[in-house]
Amino acid sequence: MVSRLIPVIAAVAESGAGVLLIEQFATVALGLARRAHIMEGGRIRFSGLASELRDNPARLRSAYLLRGSKTLIPNDDGIPPRSSSS
């Protein structure tokens, strides 16, 4: 079913309309998106260009592996930024 929707979603986005796509399979969403946001526990853990996640699998993987953690997604150097509460 998802594979049939991808061309439709792409066509809508290319027409200039904004599309909010909530998808559990990151590869599908990142293939269509210009920007990406990763939420966990109601908080945004990453917000930026979709290409940043496509081109950096470690960053994408960290978003899933940190589920339930207060740690934020690592910077490009691989070191998690300090949370303001620590």
PDB file of N, CA and C in Angstrom:
ATOM      1  N   MET A   1       0.814  -1.202   0.000  1.00  0.00           N
ATOM      2  CA  MET A   1       0.000   0.000   0.000  1.00  0.00           C
ATOM      3  C   MET A   1       0.854   1.262   0.000  1.00  0.00           C
ATOM      4  N   VAL A   2       1.883   1.284   0.842  1.00  0.00           N
ATOM      5  CA  VAL A   2       2.733   2.467   0.930  1.00  0.00           C
ATOM      6  C   VAL A   2       3.391   2.760  -0.409  1.00  0.00           C
ATOM      7  N   SER A   3       3.852   1.735  -1.101  1.00  0.00           N
ATOM      8  CA  SER A   3       4.533   1.953  -2.374  1.00  0.00           C
ATOM      9  C   SER A   3       3.626   2.618  -3.408  1.00  0.00           C
ATOM     10  N   ARG A   4       2.311   2.393  -3.311  1.00  0.00           N
ATOM     11  CA  ARG A   4       1.374   3.037  -4.249  1.00  0.00           C
ATOM     12  C   ARG A   4       1.160   4.500  -3.882  1.00  0.00           C
ATOM     13  N   LEU A   5       1.362   4.850  -2.623  1.00  0.00           N
ATOM     14  CA  LEU A   5       1.148   6.233  -2.191  1.00  0.00           C
ATOM     15  C   LEU A   5       2.346   7.140  -2.457  1.00  0.00           C
ATOM     16  N   ILE A   6       3.527   6.574  -2.542  1.00  0.00           N
ATOM     17  CA  ILE A   6       4.732   7.384  -2.695  1.00  0.00           C
ATOM     18  C   ILE A   6       4.660   8.316  -3.907  1.00  0.00           C
ATOM     19  N   PRO A   7       4.307   7.844  -5.100  1.00  0.00           N
ATOM     20  CA  PRO A   7       4.229   8.767  -6.250  1.00  0.00           C
ATOM     21  C   PRO A   7       3.169   9.856  -6.058  1.00  0.00           C
ATOM     22  N   VAL A   8       2.085   9.518  -5.399  1.00  0.00           N
ATOM     23  CA  VAL A   8       1.019  10.503  -5.163  1.00  0.00           C
ATOM     24  C   VAL A   8       1.516  11.594  -4.213  1.00  0.00           C
ATOM     25  N   ILE A   9       2.153  11.180  -3.129  1.00  0.00           N
ATOM     26  CA  ILE A   9       2.688  12.149  -2.162  1.00  0.00           C
ATOM     27  C   ILE A   9       3.748  13.024  -2.822  1.00  0.00           C
ATOM     28  N   ALA A  10       4.608  12.415  -3.617  1.00  0.00           N
ATOM     29  CA  ALA A  10       5.652  13.169  -4.323  1.00  0.00           C
ATOM     30  C   ALA A  10       5.036  14.192  -5.273  1.00  0.00           C
ATOM     31  N   ALA A  11       3.998  13.813  -6.000  1.00  0.00           N
ATOM     32  CA  ALA A  11       3.342  14.731  -6.938  1.00  0.00           C
ATOM     33  C   ALA A  11       2.697  15.901  -6.210  1.00  0.00           C
ATOM     34  N   VAL A  12       2.070  15.628  -5.085  1.00  0.00           N
ATOM     35  CA  VAL A  12       1.443  16.704  -4.294  1.00  0.00           C
ATOM     36  C   VAL A  12       2.521  17.673  -3.814  1.00  0.00           C
ATOM     37  N   ALA A  13       3.613  17.145  -3.282  1.00  0.00           N
ATOM     38  CA  ALA A  13       4.704  17.995  -2.792  1.00  0.00           C
ATOM     39  C   ALA A  13       5.309  18.813  -3.926  1.00  0.00           C
ATOM     40  N   GLU A  14       5.514  18.197  -5.089  1.00  0.00           N
ATOM     41  CA  GLU A  14       6.096  18.902  -6.233  1.00  0.00           C
ATOM     42  C   GLU A  14       5.181  20.000  -6.755  1.00  0.00           C
ATOM     43  N   SER A  15       3.887  19.889  -6.479  1.00  0.00           N
ATOM     44  CA  SER A  15       2.953  20.921  -6.927  1.00  0.00           C
ATOM     45  C   SER A  15       3.072  22.190  -6.086  1.00  0.00           C
ATOM     46  N   GLY A  16       3.830  22.105  -4.994  1.00  0.00           N
ATOM     47  CA  GLY A  16       4.015  23.278  -4.146  1.00  0.00           C
ATOM     48  C   GLY A  16       3.227  23.223  -2.852  1.00  0.00           C
ATOM     49  N   ALA A  17       2.376  22.236  -2.706  1.00  0.00           N
ATOM     50  CA  ALA A  17       1.600  22.099  -1.474  1.00  0.00           C
ATOM     51  C   ALA A  17       2.489  21.533  -0.372  1.00  0.00           C
ATOM     52  N   GLY A  18       2.273  21.992   0.838  1.00  0.00           N
ATOM     53  CA  GLY A  18       2.998  21.437   1.978  1.00  0.00           C
ATOM     54  C   GLY A  18       2.423  20.070   2.330  1.00  0.00           C
ATOM     55  N   VAL A  19       3.290  19.156   2.690  1.00  0.00           N
ATOM     56  CA  VAL A  19       2.855  17.806   3.046  1.00  0.00           C
ATOM     57  C   VAL A  19       3.463  17.455   4.399  1.00  0.00           C
ATOM     58  N   LEU A  20       2.639  17.038   5.320  1.00  0.00           N
ATOM     59  CA  LEU A  20       3.119  16.521   6.599  1.00  0.00           C
ATOM     60  C   LEU A  20       2.977  15.012   6.533  1.00  0.00           C
ATOM     61  N   LEU A  21       4.109  14.338   6.525  1.00  0.00           N
ATOM     62  CA  LEU A  21       4.125  12.886   6.408  1.00  0.00           C
ATOM     63  C   LEU A  21       4.670  12.311   7.702  1.00  0.00           C
ATOM     64  N   ILE A  22       3.878  11.513   8.356  1.00  0.00           N
ATOM     65  CA  ILE A  22       4.302  10.831   9.572  1.00  0.00           C
ATOM     66  C   ILE A  22       4.449   9.369   9.199  1.00  0.00           C
ATOM     67  N   GLU A  23       5.682   8.905   9.235  1.00  0.00           N
ATOM     68  CA  GLU A  23       5.983   7.568   8.715  1.00  0.00           C
ATOM     69  C   GLU A  23       6.979   6.881   9.630  1.00  0.00           C
ATOM     70  N   GLN A  24       6.700   5.635   9.965  1.00  0.00           N
ATOM     71  CA  GLN A  24       7.614   4.892  10.826  1.00  0.00           C
ATOM     72  C   GLN A  24       8.829   4.350  10.082  1.00  0.00           C
ATOM     73  N   PHE A  25       8.745   4.244   8.775  1.00  0.00           N
ATOM     74  CA  PHE A  25       9.878   3.771   7.983  1.00  0.00           C
ATOM     75  C   PHE A  25      10.642   4.980   7.462  1.00  0.00           C
ATOM     76  N   ALA A  26      11.734   5.295   8.115  1.00  0.00           N
ATOM     77  CA  ALA A  26      12.479   6.518   7.813  1.00  0.00           C
ATOM     78  C   ALA A  26      12.947   6.586   6.366  1.00  0.00           C
ATOM     79  N   THR A  27      13.328   5.465   5.776  1.00  0.00           N
ATOM     80  CA  THR A  27      13.832   5.504   4.402  1.00  0.00           C
ATOM     81  C   THR A  27      12.769   6.013   3.440  1.00  0.00           C
ATOM     82  N   VAL A  28      11.524   5.649   3.673  1.00  0.00           N
ATOM     83  CA  VAL A  28      10.434   6.129   2.814  1.00  0.00           C
ATOM     84  C   VAL A  28      10.263   7.634   2.983  1.00  0.00           C
ATOM     85  N   ALA A  29      10.148   8.075   4.222  1.00  0.00           N
ATOM     86  CA  ALA A  29       9.927   9.493   4.498  1.00  0.00           C
ATOM     87  C   ALA A  29      11.104  10.344   4.028  1.00  0.00           C
ATOM     88  N   LEU A  30      12.322   9.900   4.307  1.00  0.00           N
ATOM     89  CA  LEU A  30      13.498  10.686   3.929  1.00  0.00           C
ATOM     90  C   LEU A  30      13.700  10.736   2.424  1.00  0.00           C
ATOM     91  N   GLY A  31      13.172   9.752   1.704  1.00  0.00           N
ATOM     92  CA  GLY A  31      13.248   9.773   0.252  1.00  0.00           C
ATOM     93  C   GLY A  31      12.339  10.820  -0.370  1.00  0.00           C
ATOM     94  N   LEU A  32      11.337  11.245   0.379  1.00  0.00           N
ATOM     95  CA  LEU A  32      10.374  12.230  -0.126  1.00  0.00           C
ATOM     96  C   LEU A  32      10.578  13.629   0.450  1.00  0.00           C
ATOM     97  N   ALA A  33      11.208  13.701   1.606  1.00  0.00           N
ATOM     98  CA  ALA A  33      11.231  14.944   2.379  1.00  0.00           C
ATOM     99  C   ALA A  33      12.386  15.864   2.036  1.00  0.00           C
ATOM    100  N   ARG A  34      12.154  17.142   2.241  1.00  0.00           N
ATOM    101  CA  ARG A  34      13.225  18.139   2.215  1.00  0.00           C
ATOM    102  C   ARG A  34      13.728  18.364   3.637  1.00  0.00           C
ATOM    103  N   ARG A  35      12.790  18.407   4.580  1.00  0.00           N
ATOM    104  CA  ARG A  35      13.119  18.603   5.991  1.00  0.00           C
ATOM    105  C   ARG A  35      12.615  17.410   6.779  1.00  0.00           C
ATOM    106  N   ALA A  36      13.247  17.164   7.912  1.00  0.00           N
ATOM    107  CA  ALA A  36      12.854  16.038   8.757  1.00  0.00           C
ATOM    108  C   ALA A  36      12.874  16.456  10.219  1.00  0.00           C
ATOM    109  N   HIS A  37      11.973  15.878  10.965  1.00  0.00           N
ATOM    110  CA  HIS A  37      11.901  16.089  12.410  1.00  0.00           C
ATOM    111  C   HIS A  37      11.734  14.718  13.039  1.00  0.00           C
ATOM    112  N   ILE A  38      12.509  14.445  14.068  1.00  0.00           N
ATOM    113  CA  ILE A  38      12.368  13.191  14.794  1.00  0.00           C
ATOM    114  C   ILE A  38      11.846  13.547  16.178  1.00  0.00           C
ATOM    115  N   MET A  39      10.716  12.944  16.511  1.00  0.00           N
ATOM    116  CA  MET A  39      10.123  13.163  17.830  1.00  0.00           C
ATOM    117  C   MET A  39      10.192  11.886  18.634  1.00  0.00           C
ATOM    118  N   GLU A  40      10.396  12.055  19.924  1.00  0.00           N
ATOM    119  CA  GLU A  40      10.396  10.934  20.847  1.00  0.00           C
ATOM    120  C   GLU A  40       9.850  11.458  22.160  1.00  0.00           C
ATOM    121  N   GLY A  41       8.859  10.793  22.669  1.00  0.00           N
ATOM    122  CA  GLY A  41       8.275  11.218  23.938  1.00  0.00           C
ATOM    123  C   GLY A  41       7.669  12.603  23.875  1.00  0.00           C
ATOM    124  N   GLY A  42       7.176  12.992  22.703  1.00  0.00           N
ATOM    125  CA  GLY A  42       6.543  14.305  22.565  1.00  0.00           C
ATOM    126  C   GLY A  42       7.523  15.458  22.411  1.00  0.00           C
ATOM    127  N   ARG A  43       8.811  15.154  22.307  1.00  0.00           N
ATOM    128  CA  ARG A  43       9.825  16.196  22.152  1.00  0.00           C
ATOM    129  C   ARG A  43      10.564  16.010  20.837  1.00  0.00           C
ATOM    130  N   ILE A  44      10.899  17.116  20.203  1.00  0.00           N
ATOM    131  CA  ILE A  44      11.672  17.049  18.968  1.00  0.00           C
ATOM    132  C   ILE A  44      13.119  16.782  19.339  1.00  0.00           C
ATOM    133  N   ARG A  45      13.649  15.671  18.825  1.00  0.00           N
ATOM    134  CA  ARG A  45      15.038  15.277  19.092  1.00  0.00           C
ATOM    135  C   ARG A  45      15.959  15.659  17.946  1.00  0.00           C
ATOM    136  N   PHE A  46      15.404  15.866  16.764  1.00  0.00           N
ATOM    137  CA  PHE A  46      16.175  16.315  15.605  1.00  0.00           C
ATOM    138  C   PHE A  46      15.259  17.141  14.730  1.00  0.00           C
ATOM    139  N   SER A  47      15.784  18.224  14.191  1.00  0.00           N
ATOM    140  CA  SER A  47      15.062  19.035  13.230  1.00  0.00           C
ATOM    141  C   SER A  47      16.086  19.593  12.254  1.00  0.00           C
ATOM    142  N   GLY A  48      15.912  19.276  10.986  1.00  0.00           N
ATOM    143  CA  GLY A  48      16.870  19.758  10.000  1.00  0.00           C
ATOM    144  C   GLY A  48      16.563  19.216   8.622  1.00  0.00           C
ATOM    145  N   LEU A  49      17.530  19.297   7.752  1.00  0.00           N
ATOM    146  CA  LEU A  49      17.354  18.810   6.391  1.00  0.00           C
ATOM    147  C   LEU A  49      17.292  17.285   6.387  1.00  0.00           C
ATOM    148  N   ALA A  50      16.404  16.757   5.588  1.00  0.00           N
ATOM    149  CA  ALA A  50      16.291  15.297   5.465  1.00  0.00           C
ATOM    150  C   ALA A  50      17.613  14.705   4.976  1.00  0.00           C
ATOM    151  N   SER A  51      18.312  15.448   4.139  1.00  0.00           N
ATOM    152  CA  SER A  51      19.603  14.958   3.625  1.00  0.00           C
ATOM    153  C   SER A  51      20.613  14.742   4.745  1.00  0.00           C
ATOM    154  N   GLU A  52      20.512  15.505   5.841  1.00  0.00           N
ATOM    155  CA  GLU A  52      21.420  15.297   6.973  1.00  0.00           C
ATOM    156  C   GLU A  52      21.248  13.898   7.559  1.00  0.00           C
ATOM    157  N   LEU A  53      20.024  13.406   7.576  1.00  0.00           N
ATOM    158  CA  LEU A  53      19.775  12.065   8.095  1.00  0.00           C
ATOM    159  C   LEU A  53      20.075  11.003   7.045  1.00  0.00           C
ATOM    160  N   ARG A  54      19.718  11.273   5.792  1.00  0.00           N
ATOM    161  CA  ARG A  54      20.004  10.310   4.722  1.00  0.00           C
ATOM    162  C   ARG A  54      21.507  10.078   4.595  1.00  0.00           C
ATOM    163  N   ASP A  55      22.284  11.169   4.697  1.00  0.00           N
ATOM    164  CA  ASP A  55      23.726  11.091   4.490  1.00  0.00           C
ATOM    165  C   ASP A  55      24.492  10.688   5.744  1.00  0.00           C
ATOM    166  N   ASN A  56      23.810  10.585   6.880  1.00  0.00           N
ATOM    167  CA  ASN A  56      24.474  10.244   8.133  1.00  0.00           C
ATOM    168  C   ASN A  56      23.672   9.161   8.844  1.00  0.00           C
ATOM    169  N   PRO A  57      23.807   7.916   8.411  1.00  0.00           N
ATOM    170  CA  PRO A  57      23.025   6.829   9.010  1.00  0.00           C
ATOM    171  C   PRO A  57      23.233   6.691  10.510  1.00  0.00           C
ATOM    172  N   ALA A  58      24.404   7.055  11.013  1.00  0.00           N
ATOM    173  CA  ALA A  58      24.648   6.957  12.460  1.00  0.00           C
ATOM    174  C   ALA A  58      23.719   7.894  13.221  1.00  0.00           C
ATOM    175  N   ARG A  59      23.499   9.075  12.677  1.00  0.00           N
ATOM    176  CA  ARG A  59      22.597  10.029  13.333  1.00  0.00           C
ATOM    177  C   ARG A  59      21.162   9.499  13.304  1.00  0.00           C
ATOM    178  N   LEU A  60      20.760   8.952  12.188  1.00  0.00           N
ATOM    179  CA  LEU A  60      19.412   8.391  12.086  1.00  0.00           C
ATOM    180  C   LEU A  60      19.253   7.213  13.043  1.00  0.00           C
ATOM    181  N   ARG A  61      20.220   6.333  13.053  1.00  0.00           N
ATOM    182  CA  ARG A  61      20.170   5.168  13.926  1.00  0.00           C
ATOM    183  C   ARG A  61      20.114   5.597  15.393  1.00  0.00           C
ATOM    184  N   SER A  62      20.845   6.652  15.751  1.00  0.00           N
ATOM    185  CA  SER A  62      20.867   7.103  17.139  1.00  0.00           C
ATOM    186  C   SER A  62      19.487   7.571  17.588  1.00  0.00           C
ATOM    187  N   ALA A  63      18.689   8.081  16.663  1.00  0.00           N
ATOM    188  CA  ALA A  63      17.346   8.526  17.024  1.00  0.00           C
ATOM    189  C   ALA A  63      16.490   7.364  17.490  1.00  0.00           C
ATOM    190  N   TYR A  64      16.703   6.206  16.902  1.00  0.00           N
ATOM    191  CA  TYR A  64      15.929   5.025  17.288  1.00  0.00           C
ATOM    192  C   TYR A  64      16.518   4.350  18.514  1.00  0.00           C
ATOM    193  N   LEU A  65      17.842   4.350  18.633  1.00  0.00           N
ATOM    194  CA  LEU A  65      18.488   3.678  19.753  1.00  0.00           C
ATOM    195  C   LEU A  65      18.352   4.451  21.058  1.00  0.00           C
ATOM    196  N   LEU A  66      18.067   5.739  20.978  1.00  0.00           N
ATOM    197  CA  LEU A  66      17.958   6.552  22.185  1.00  0.00           C
ATOM    198  C   LEU A  66      16.544   6.578  22.738  1.00  0.00           C
ATOM    199  N   ARG A  67      15.662   5.761  22.222  1.00  0.00           N
ATOM    200  CA  ARG A  67      14.271   5.734  22.677  1.00  0.00           C
ATOM    201  C   ARG A  67      14.235   5.630  24.194  1.00  0.00           C
ATOM    202  N   GLY A  68      13.522   6.577  24.821  1.00  0.00           N
ATOM    203  CA  GLY A  68      13.381   6.575  26.268  1.00  0.00           C
ATOM    204  C   GLY A  68      14.529   7.244  26.992  1.00  0.00           C
ATOM    205  N   SER A  69      15.540   7.679  26.267  1.00  0.00           N
ATOM    206  CA  SER A  69      16.691   8.327  26.883  1.00  0.00           C
ATOM    207  C   SER A  69      16.502   9.831  26.891  1.00  0.00           C
ATOM    208  N   LYS A  70      17.103  10.505  27.836  1.00  0.00           N
ATOM    209  CA  LYS A  70      17.072  11.964  27.854  1.00  0.00           C
ATOM    210  C   LYS A  70      18.196  12.538  27.002  1.00  0.00           C
ATOM    211  N   THR A  71      19.065  11.665  26.496  1.00  0.00           N
ATOM    212  CA  THR A  71      20.181  12.088  25.657  1.00  0.00           C
ATOM    213  C   THR A  71      19.650  12.568  24.315  1.00  0.00           C
ATOM    214  N   LEU A  72      20.245  13.627  23.824  1.00  0.00           N
ATOM    215  CA  LEU A  72      19.854  14.151  22.519  1.00  0.00           C
ATOM    216  C   LEU A  72      20.663  13.476  21.431  1.00  0.00           C
ATOM    217  N   ILE A  73      20.231  13.619  20.203  1.00  0.00           N
ATOM    218  CA  ILE A  73      20.932  13.027  19.071  1.00  0.00           C
ATOM    219  C   ILE A  73      22.318  13.651  18.957  1.00  0.00           C
ATOM    220  N   PRO A  74      23.355  12.839  18.761  1.00  0.00           N
ATOM    221  CA  PRO A  74      24.724  13.359  18.724  1.00  0.00           C
ATOM    222  C   PRO A  74      24.948  14.388  17.629  1.00  0.00           C
ATOM    223  N   ASN A  75      25.900  15.270  17.909  1.00  0.00           N
ATOM    224  CA  ASN A  75      26.351  16.220  16.895  1.00  0.00           C
ATOM    225  C   ASN A  75      27.175  15.467  15.864  1.00  0.00           C
ATOM    226  N   ASP A  76      27.672  16.184  14.851  1.00  0.00           N
ATOM    227  CA  ASP A  76      28.460  15.547  13.807  1.00  0.00           C
ATOM    228  C   ASP A  76      29.714  14.862  14.344  1.00  0.00           C
ATOM    229  N   ASP A  77      30.209  15.322  15.512  1.00  0.00           N
ATOM    230  CA  ASP A  77      31.411  14.709  16.075  1.00  0.00           C
ATOM    231  C   ASP A  77      31.099  13.433  16.841  1.00  0.00           C
ATOM    232  N   GLY A  78      29.810  13.068  16.924  1.00  0.00           N
ATOM    233  CA  GLY A  78      29.422  11.825  17.580  1.00  0.00           C
ATOM    234  C   GLY A  78      29.227  11.956  19.077  1.00  0.00           C
ATOM    235  N   ILE A  79      29.490  13.130  19.624  1.00  0.00           N
ATOM    236  CA  ILE A  79      29.337  13.344  21.056  1.00  0.00           C
ATOM    237  C   ILE A  79      27.968  13.963  21.321  1.00  0.00           C
ATOM    238  N   PRO A  80      27.135  13.319  22.177  1.00  0.00           N
ATOM    239  CA  PRO A  80      25.815  13.889  22.444  1.00  0.00           C
ATOM    240  C   PRO A  80      25.941  15.255  23.105  1.00  0.00           C
ATOM    241  N   PRO A  81      25.131  16.219  22.673  1.00  0.00           N
ATOM    242  CA  PRO A  81      25.152  17.532  23.332  1.00  0.00           C
ATOM    243  C   PRO A  81      24.596  17.407  24.735  1.00  0.00           C
ATOM    244  N   ARG A  82      25.040  18.275  25.614  1.00  0.00           N
ATOM    245  CA  ARG A  82      24.521  18.267  26.983  1.00  0.00           C
ATOM    246  C   ARG A  82      23.136  18.854  26.992  1.00  0.00           C
ATOM    247  N   SER A  83      22.262  18.220  27.738  1.00  0.00           N
ATOM    248  CA  SER A  83      20.914  18.732  27.907  1.00  0.00           C
ATOM    249  C   SER A  83      20.983  19.885  28.899  1.00  0.00           C
ATOM    250  N   SER A  84      20.082  20.853  28.798  1.00  0.00           N
ATOM    251  CA  SER A  84      20.086  22.007  29.694  1.00  0.00           C
ATOM    252  C   SER A  84      19.774  21.599  31.127  1.00  0.00           C
ATOM    253  N   SER A  85      19.192  20.404  31.329  1.00  0.00           N
ATOM    254  CA  SER A  85      18.850  19.962  32.664  1.00  0.00           C
ATOM    255  C   SER A  85      19.987  19.214  33.350  1.00  0.00           C
ATOM    256  N   SER A  86      21.128  18.956  32.626  1.00  0.00           N
ATOM    257  CA  SER A  86      22.217  18.209  33.270  1.00  0.00           C
ATOM    258  C   SER A  86      23.221  19.115  33.894  1.00  0.00           C
TER     259      SER A  86
END
